[in-house]
Amino acid sequence: MSEKVTVNTERCIGCGTCVNICPAKVFQLINGKAYPVNAERCLLCRACKTHCPVDAISLGSRVIQRENNHIQAS
């Protein structure tokens, strides 16, 4: 199973949006790029992915599975 949240550092522009919006404080800016240094804290709320202006954040299979279960249950 993949990580909950990853950042494509080639796309990341270091704007800090994910750092500021994440309620679980998953991200930290290091050398001008965002890194999910506390990925285990991720609440799977999607705020980071939704607000990233360059779509540099990916959510792992745990989130996809959760979404599929939700869609099927609807």
PDB file of N, CA and C in Angstrom:
ATOM      1  N   MET A   1       0.848  -1.178   0.000  1.00  0.00           N
ATOM      2  CA  MET A   1       0.000   0.000   0.000  1.00  0.00           C
ATOM      3  C   MET A   1       0.890   1.235   0.000  1.00  0.00           C
ATOM      4  N   SER A   2       0.522   2.257  -0.780  1.00  0.00           N
ATOM      5  CA  SER A   2       1.347   3.443  -0.884  1.00  0.00           C
ATOM      6  C   SER A   2       1.125   4.377   0.295  1.00  0.00           C
ATOM      7  N   GLU A   3       1.975   5.385   0.360  1.00  0.00           N
ATOM      8  CA  GLU A   3       1.867   6.386   1.413  1.00  0.00           C
ATOM      9  C   GLU A   3       0.526   7.113   1.313  1.00  0.00           C
ATOM     10  N   LYS A   4       0.101   7.698   2.411  1.00  0.00           N
ATOM     11  CA  LYS A   4      -1.125   8.478   2.407  1.00  0.00           C
ATOM     12  C   LYS A   4      -0.992   9.699   1.508  1.00  0.00           C
ATOM     13  N   VAL A   5       0.130  10.399   1.621  1.00  0.00           N
ATOM     14  CA  VAL A   5       0.294  11.649   0.889  1.00  0.00           C
ATOM     15  C   VAL A   5       1.743  11.800   0.437  1.00  0.00           C
ATOM     16  N   THR A   6       1.914  12.222  -0.810  1.00  0.00           N
ATOM     17  CA  THR A   6       3.251  12.474  -1.346  1.00  0.00           C
ATOM     18  C   THR A   6       3.233  13.803  -2.096  1.00  0.00           C
ATOM     19  N   VAL A   7       4.423  14.390  -2.223  1.00  0.00           N
ATOM     20  CA  VAL A   7       4.571  15.647  -2.944  1.00  0.00           C
ATOM     21  C   VAL A   7       5.538  15.441  -4.096  1.00  0.00           C
ATOM     22  N   ASN A   8       5.136  15.857  -5.281  1.00  0.00           N
ATOM     23  CA  ASN A   8       6.021  15.848  -6.437  1.00  0.00           C
ATOM     24  C   ASN A   8       6.873  17.108  -6.322  1.00  0.00           C
ATOM     25  N   THR A   9       8.103  16.954  -5.851  1.00  0.00           N
ATOM     26  CA  THR A   9       8.958  18.116  -5.596  1.00  0.00           C
ATOM     27  C   THR A   9       9.393  18.821  -6.874  1.00  0.00           C
ATOM     28  N   GLU A  10       9.271  18.157  -8.012  1.00  0.00           N
ATOM     29  CA  GLU A  10       9.571  18.829  -9.280  1.00  0.00           C
ATOM     30  C   GLU A  10       8.476  19.838  -9.631  1.00  0.00           C
ATOM     31  N   ARG A  11       7.269  19.560  -9.208  1.00  0.00           N
ATOM     32  CA  ARG A  11       6.147  20.477  -9.478  1.00  0.00           C
ATOM     33  C   ARG A  11       5.971  21.509  -8.374  1.00  0.00           C
ATOM     34  N   CYS A  12       6.333  21.153  -7.149  1.00  0.00           N
ATOM     35  CA  CYS A  12       6.127  22.032  -5.992  1.00  0.00           C
ATOM     36  C   CYS A  12       6.848  23.368  -6.195  1.00  0.00           C
ATOM     37  N   ILE A  13       6.134  24.468  -5.944  1.00  0.00           N
ATOM     38  CA  ILE A  13       6.721  25.800  -6.072  1.00  0.00           C
ATOM     39  C   ILE A  13       7.045  26.413  -4.709  1.00  0.00           C
ATOM     40  N   GLY A  14       6.824  25.657  -3.647  1.00  0.00           N
ATOM     41  CA  GLY A  14       7.172  26.122  -2.309  1.00  0.00           C
ATOM     42  C   GLY A  14       6.316  27.265  -1.803  1.00  0.00           C
ATOM     43  N   CYS A  15       5.066  27.324  -2.226  1.00  0.00           N
ATOM     44  CA  CYS A  15       4.185  28.431  -1.838  1.00  0.00           C
ATOM     45  C   CYS A  15       3.746  28.355  -0.373  1.00  0.00           C
ATOM     46  N   GLY A  16       3.773  27.157   0.209  1.00  0.00           N
ATOM     47  CA  GLY A  16       3.396  26.985   1.606  1.00  0.00           C
ATOM     48  C   GLY A  16       1.909  26.804   1.846  1.00  0.00           C
ATOM     49  N   THR A  17       1.124  26.720   0.790  1.00  0.00           N
ATOM     50  CA  THR A  17      -0.320  26.548   0.959  1.00  0.00           C
ATOM     51  C   THR A  17      -0.637  25.284   1.745  1.00  0.00           C
ATOM     52  N   CYS A  18       0.000  24.186   1.400  1.00  0.00           N
ATOM     53  CA  CYS A  18      -0.267  22.921   2.101  1.00  0.00           C
ATOM     54  C   CYS A  18       0.142  23.007   3.569  1.00  0.00           C
ATOM     55  N   VAL A  19       1.245  23.685   3.832  1.00  0.00           N
ATOM     56  CA  VAL A  19       1.719  23.849   5.210  1.00  0.00           C
ATOM     57  C   VAL A  19       0.671  24.587   6.027  1.00  0.00           C
ATOM     58  N   ASN A  20       0.123  25.643   5.451  1.00  0.00           N
ATOM     59  CA  ASN A  20      -0.840  26.478   6.169  1.00  0.00           C
ATOM     60  C   ASN A  20      -2.234  25.876   6.266  1.00  0.00           C
ATOM     61  N   ILE A  21      -2.642  25.091   5.281  1.00  0.00           N
ATOM     62  CA  ILE A  21      -4.025  24.591   5.248  1.00  0.00           C
ATOM     63  C   ILE A  21      -4.205  23.258   5.974  1.00  0.00           C
ATOM     64  N   CYS A  22      -3.143  22.496   6.121  1.00  0.00           N
ATOM     65  CA  CYS A  22      -3.253  21.151   6.697  1.00  0.00           C
ATOM     66  C   CYS A  22      -3.573  21.207   8.193  1.00  0.00           C
ATOM     67  N   PRO A  23      -4.724  20.661   8.595  1.00  0.00           N
ATOM     68  CA  PRO A  23      -5.084  20.682  10.016  1.00  0.00           C
ATOM     69  C   PRO A  23      -4.222  19.753  10.872  1.00  0.00           C
ATOM     70  N   ALA A  24      -3.565  18.787  10.245  1.00  0.00           N
ATOM     71  CA  ALA A  24      -2.745  17.822  10.986  1.00  0.00           C
ATOM     72  C   ALA A  24      -1.261  18.187  10.979  1.00  0.00           C
ATOM     73  N   LYS A  25      -0.914  19.283  10.342  1.00  0.00           N
ATOM     74  CA  LYS A  25       0.486  19.742  10.285  1.00  0.00           C
ATOM     75  C   LYS A  25       1.397  18.678   9.688  1.00  0.00           C
ATOM     76  N   VAL A  26       0.971  18.115   8.573  1.00  0.00           N
ATOM     77  CA  VAL A  26       1.720  17.060   7.892  1.00  0.00           C
ATOM     78  C   VAL A  26       2.947  17.614   7.170  1.00  0.00           C
ATOM     79  N   PHE A  27       2.833  18.814   6.615  1.00  0.00           N
ATOM     80  CA  PHE A  27       3.863  19.342   5.718  1.00  0.00           C
ATOM     81  C   PHE A  27       4.818  20.315   6.391  1.00  0.00           C
ATOM     82  N   GLN A  28       6.017  20.367   5.804  1.00  0.00           N
ATOM     83  CA  GLN A  28       7.025  21.333   6.228  1.00  0.00           C
ATOM     84  C   GLN A  28       7.792  21.770   4.982  1.00  0.00           C
ATOM     85  N   LEU A  29       8.105  23.059   4.902  1.00  0.00           N
ATOM     86  CA  LEU A  29       8.932  23.543   3.800  1.00  0.00           C
ATOM     87  C   LEU A  29      10.394  23.316   4.147  1.00  0.00           C
ATOM     88  N   ILE A  30      11.090  22.635   3.250  1.00  0.00           N
ATOM     89  CA  ILE A  30      12.513  22.356   3.416  1.00  0.00           C
ATOM     90  C   ILE A  30      13.196  22.748   2.113  1.00  0.00           C
ATOM     91  N   ASN A  31      14.124  23.682   2.202  1.00  0.00           N
ATOM     92  CA  ASN A  31      14.833  24.169   1.011  1.00  0.00           C
ATOM     93  C   ASN A  31      13.882  24.592  -0.103  1.00  0.00           C
ATOM     94  N   GLY A  32      12.795  25.250   0.272  1.00  0.00           N
ATOM     95  CA  GLY A  32      11.868  25.795  -0.705  1.00  0.00           C
ATOM     96  C   GLY A  32      10.891  24.811  -1.316  1.00  0.00           C
ATOM     97  N   LYS A  33      10.779  23.634  -0.752  1.00  0.00           N
ATOM     98  CA  LYS A  33       9.843  22.614  -1.245  1.00  0.00           C
ATOM     99  C   LYS A  33       9.061  22.040  -0.069  1.00  0.00           C
ATOM    100  N   ALA A  34       7.836  21.617  -0.334  1.00  0.00           N
ATOM    101  CA  ALA A  34       7.009  21.001   0.704  1.00  0.00           C
ATOM    102  C   ALA A  34       7.302  19.510   0.793  1.00  0.00           C
ATOM    103  N   TYR A  35       7.399  19.028   2.017  1.00  0.00           N
ATOM    104  CA  TYR A  35       7.600  17.598   2.265  1.00  0.00           C
ATOM    105  C   TYR A  35       6.605  17.141   3.327  1.00  0.00           C
ATOM    106  N   PRO A  36       5.996  15.963   3.144  1.00  0.00           N
ATOM    107  CA  PRO A  36       5.072  15.429   4.152  1.00  0.00           C
ATOM    108  C   PRO A  36       5.855  14.748   5.276  1.00  0.00           C
ATOM    109  N   VAL A  37       6.456  15.546   6.139  1.00  0.00           N
ATOM    110  CA  VAL A  37       7.339  15.014   7.179  1.00  0.00           C
ATOM    111  C   VAL A  37       6.581  14.264   8.273  1.00  0.00           C
ATOM    112  N   ASN A  38       5.298  14.503   8.364  1.00  0.00           N
ATOM    113  CA  ASN A  38       4.459  13.808   9.348  1.00  0.00           C
ATOM    114  C   ASN A  38       3.292  13.117   8.647  1.00  0.00           C
ATOM    115  N   ALA A  39       3.595  12.373   7.591  1.00  0.00           N
ATOM    116  CA  ALA A  39       2.551  11.745   6.771  1.00  0.00           C
ATOM    117  C   ALA A  39       1.639  10.830   7.582  1.00  0.00           C
ATOM    118  N   GLU A  40       2.163  10.243   8.635  1.00  0.00           N
ATOM    119  CA  GLU A  40       1.341   9.337   9.450  1.00  0.00           C
ATOM    120  C   GLU A  40       0.209  10.073  10.158  1.00  0.00           C
ATOM    121  N   ARG A  41       0.304  11.385  10.257  1.00  0.00           N
ATOM    122  CA  ARG A  41      -0.746  12.190  10.889  1.00  0.00           C
ATOM    123  C   ARG A  41      -1.888  12.541   9.936  1.00  0.00           C
ATOM    124  N   CYS A  42      -1.717  12.263   8.671  1.00  0.00           N
ATOM    125  CA  CYS A  42      -2.680  12.676   7.643  1.00  0.00           C
ATOM    126  C   CYS A  42      -4.095  12.211   7.992  1.00  0.00           C
ATOM    127  N   LEU A  43      -5.032  13.142   7.910  1.00  0.00           N
ATOM    128  CA  LEU A  43      -6.436  12.859   8.213  1.00  0.00           C
ATOM    129  C   LEU A  43      -7.236  12.471   6.972  1.00  0.00           C
ATOM    130  N   LEU A  44      -6.581  12.486   5.821  1.00  0.00           N
ATOM    131  CA  LEU A  44      -7.226  12.164   4.545  1.00  0.00           C
ATOM    132  C   LEU A  44      -8.346  13.142   4.201  1.00  0.00           C
ATOM    133  N   CYS A  45      -8.177  14.390   4.602  1.00  0.00           N
ATOM    134  CA  CYS A  45      -9.228  15.386   4.367  1.00  0.00           C
ATOM    135  C   CYS A  45      -9.170  16.008   2.976  1.00  0.00           C
ATOM    136  N   ARG A  46      -8.073  15.844   2.265  1.00  0.00           N
ATOM    137  CA  ARG A  46      -7.870  16.335   0.902  1.00  0.00           C
ATOM    138  C   ARG A  46      -7.682  17.840   0.788  1.00  0.00           C
ATOM    139  N   ALA A  47      -7.598  18.553   1.894  1.00  0.00           N
ATOM    140  CA  ALA A  47      -7.433  20.009   1.830  1.00  0.00           C
ATOM    141  C   ALA A  47      -6.161  20.386   1.080  1.00  0.00           C
ATOM    142  N   CYS A  48      -5.085  19.678   1.328  1.00  0.00           N
ATOM    143  CA  CYS A  48      -3.817  19.985   0.668  1.00  0.00           C
ATOM    144  C   CYS A  48      -3.924  19.803  -0.837  1.00  0.00           C
ATOM    145  N   LYS A  49      -4.467  18.701  -1.260  1.00  0.00           N
ATOM    146  CA  LYS A  49      -4.602  18.407  -2.694  1.00  0.00           C
ATOM    147  C   LYS A  49      -5.537  19.399  -3.371  1.00  0.00           C
ATOM    148  N   THR A  50      -6.630  19.716  -2.727  1.00  0.00           N
ATOM    149  CA  THR A  50      -7.610  20.638  -3.282  1.00  0.00           C
ATOM    150  C   THR A  50      -7.039  22.039  -3.474  1.00  0.00           C
ATOM    151  N   HIS A  51      -6.204  22.489  -2.549  1.00  0.00           N
ATOM    152  CA  HIS A  51      -5.708  23.860  -2.578  1.00  0.00           C
ATOM    153  C   HIS A  51      -4.334  24.036  -3.215  1.00  0.00           C
ATOM    154  N   CYS A  52      -3.655  22.970  -3.544  1.00  0.00           N
ATOM    155  CA  CYS A  52      -2.331  23.094  -4.170  1.00  0.00           C
ATOM    156  C   CYS A  52      -2.488  23.729  -5.558  1.00  0.00           C
ATOM    157  N   PRO A  53      -1.860  24.885  -5.798  1.00  0.00           N
ATOM    158  CA  PRO A  53      -2.054  25.577  -7.073  1.00  0.00           C
ATOM    159  C   PRO A  53      -1.387  24.903  -8.269  1.00  0.00           C
ATOM    160  N   VAL A  54      -0.472  23.968  -8.022  1.00  0.00           N
ATOM    161  CA  VAL A  54       0.225  23.299  -9.128  1.00  0.00           C
ATOM    162  C   VAL A  54      -0.022  21.794  -9.146  1.00  0.00           C
ATOM    163  N   ASP A  55      -0.983  21.330  -8.363  1.00  0.00           N
ATOM    164  CA  ASP A  55      -1.349  19.909  -8.308  1.00  0.00           C
ATOM    165  C   ASP A  55      -0.135  19.015  -8.060  1.00  0.00           C
ATOM    166  N   ALA A  56       0.672  19.404  -7.072  1.00  0.00           N
ATOM    167  CA  ALA A  56       1.888  18.654  -6.755  1.00  0.00           C
ATOM    168  C   ALA A  56       1.661  17.568  -5.711  1.00  0.00           C
ATOM    169  N   ILE A  57       0.475  17.502  -5.151  1.00  0.00           N
ATOM    170  CA  ILE A  57       0.204  16.571  -4.055  1.00  0.00           C
ATOM    171  C   ILE A  57      -0.637  15.400  -4.546  1.00  0.00           C
ATOM    172  N   SER A  58      -0.198  14.204  -4.194  1.00  0.00           N
ATOM    173  CA  SER A  58      -0.929  12.983  -4.537  1.00  0.00           C
ATOM    174  C   SER A  58      -1.326  12.274  -3.259  1.00  0.00           C
ATOM    175  N   LEU A  59      -2.489  11.684  -3.303  1.00  0.00           N
ATOM    176  CA  LEU A  59      -2.967  10.904  -2.173  1.00  0.00           C
ATOM    177  C   LEU A  59      -2.881   9.437  -2.532  1.00  0.00           C
ATOM    178  N   GLY A  60      -2.444   8.637  -1.595  1.00  0.00           N
ATOM    179  CA  GLY A  60      -2.185   7.226  -1.839  1.00  0.00           C
ATOM    180  C   GLY A  60      -3.420   6.365  -1.937  1.00  0.00           C
ATOM    181  N   SER A  61      -3.200   5.074  -2.044  1.00  0.00           N
ATOM    182  CA  SER A  61      -4.278   4.113  -2.267  1.00  0.00           C
ATOM    183  C   SER A  61      -5.245   4.029  -1.096  1.00  0.00           C
ATOM    184  N   ARG A  62      -4.825   4.398   0.094  1.00  0.00           N
ATOM    185  CA  ARG A  62      -5.746   4.374   1.229  1.00  0.00           C
ATOM    186  C   ARG A  62      -6.886   5.354   0.990  1.00  0.00           C
ATOM    187  N   VAL A  63      -6.562   6.509   0.417  1.00  0.00           N
ATOM    188  CA  VAL A  63      -7.584   7.508   0.128  1.00  0.00           C
ATOM    189  C   VAL A  63      -8.474   7.030  -1.002  1.00  0.00           C
ATOM    190  N   ILE A  64      -7.877   6.477  -2.038  1.00  0.00           N
ATOM    191  CA  ILE A  64      -8.648   5.972  -3.171  1.00  0.00           C
ATOM    192  C   ILE A  64      -9.611   4.887  -2.709  1.00  0.00           C
ATOM    193  N   GLN A  65      -9.146   3.973  -1.874  1.00  0.00           N
ATOM    194  CA  GLN A  65     -10.011   2.915  -1.360  1.00  0.00           C
ATOM    195  C   GLN A  65     -11.163   3.512  -0.564  1.00  0.00           C
ATOM    196  N   ARG A  66     -10.876   4.506   0.264  1.00  0.00           N
ATOM    197  CA  ARG A  66     -11.908   5.144   1.058  1.00  0.00           C
ATOM    198  C   ARG A  66     -12.948   5.804   0.155  1.00  0.00           C
ATOM    199  N   GLU A  67     -12.482   6.485  -0.901  1.00  0.00           N
ATOM    200  CA  GLU A  67     -13.402   7.130  -1.826  1.00  0.00           C
ATOM    201  C   GLU A  67     -14.253   6.100  -2.555  1.00  0.00           C
ATOM    202  N   ASN A  68     -13.653   5.016  -2.987  1.00  0.00           N
ATOM    203  CA  ASN A  68     -14.409   3.976  -3.680  1.00  0.00           C
ATOM    204  C   ASN A  68     -15.482   3.391  -2.778  1.00  0.00           C
ATOM    205  N   ASN A  69     -15.149   3.164  -1.522  1.00  0.00           N
ATOM    206  CA  ASN A  69     -16.135   2.638  -0.583  1.00  0.00           C
ATOM    207  C   ASN A  69     -17.275   3.628  -0.389  1.00  0.00           C
ATOM    208  N   HIS A  70     -16.943   4.899  -0.319  1.00  0.00           N
ATOM    209  CA  HIS A  70     -17.967   5.927  -0.135  1.00  0.00           C
ATOM    210  C   HIS A  70     -18.883   5.995  -1.355  1.00  0.00           C
ATOM    211  N   ILE A  71     -18.290   5.959  -2.525  1.00  0.00           N
ATOM    212  CA  ILE A  71     -19.082   6.029  -3.754  1.00  0.00           C
ATOM    213  C   ILE A  71     -20.004   4.818  -3.860  1.00  0.00           C
ATOM    214  N   GLN A  72     -19.505   3.639  -3.547  1.00  0.00           N
ATOM    215  CA  GLN A  72     -20.311   2.432  -3.631  1.00  0.00           C
ATOM    216  C   GLN A  72     -21.445   2.449  -2.619  1.00  0.00           C
ATOM    217  N   ALA A  73     -21.210   3.068  -1.469  1.00  0.00           N
ATOM    218  CA  ALA A  73     -22.223   3.083  -0.423  1.00  0.00           C
ATOM    219  C   ALA A  73     -23.322   4.100  -0.700  1.00  0.00           C
ATOM    220  N   SER A  74     -23.053   5.048  -1.601  1.00  0.00           N
ATOM    221  CA  SER A  74     -24.038   6.101  -1.880  1.00  0.00           C
ATOM    222  C   SER A  74     -25.249   5.563  -2.601  1.00  0.00           C
TER     223      SER A  74
END
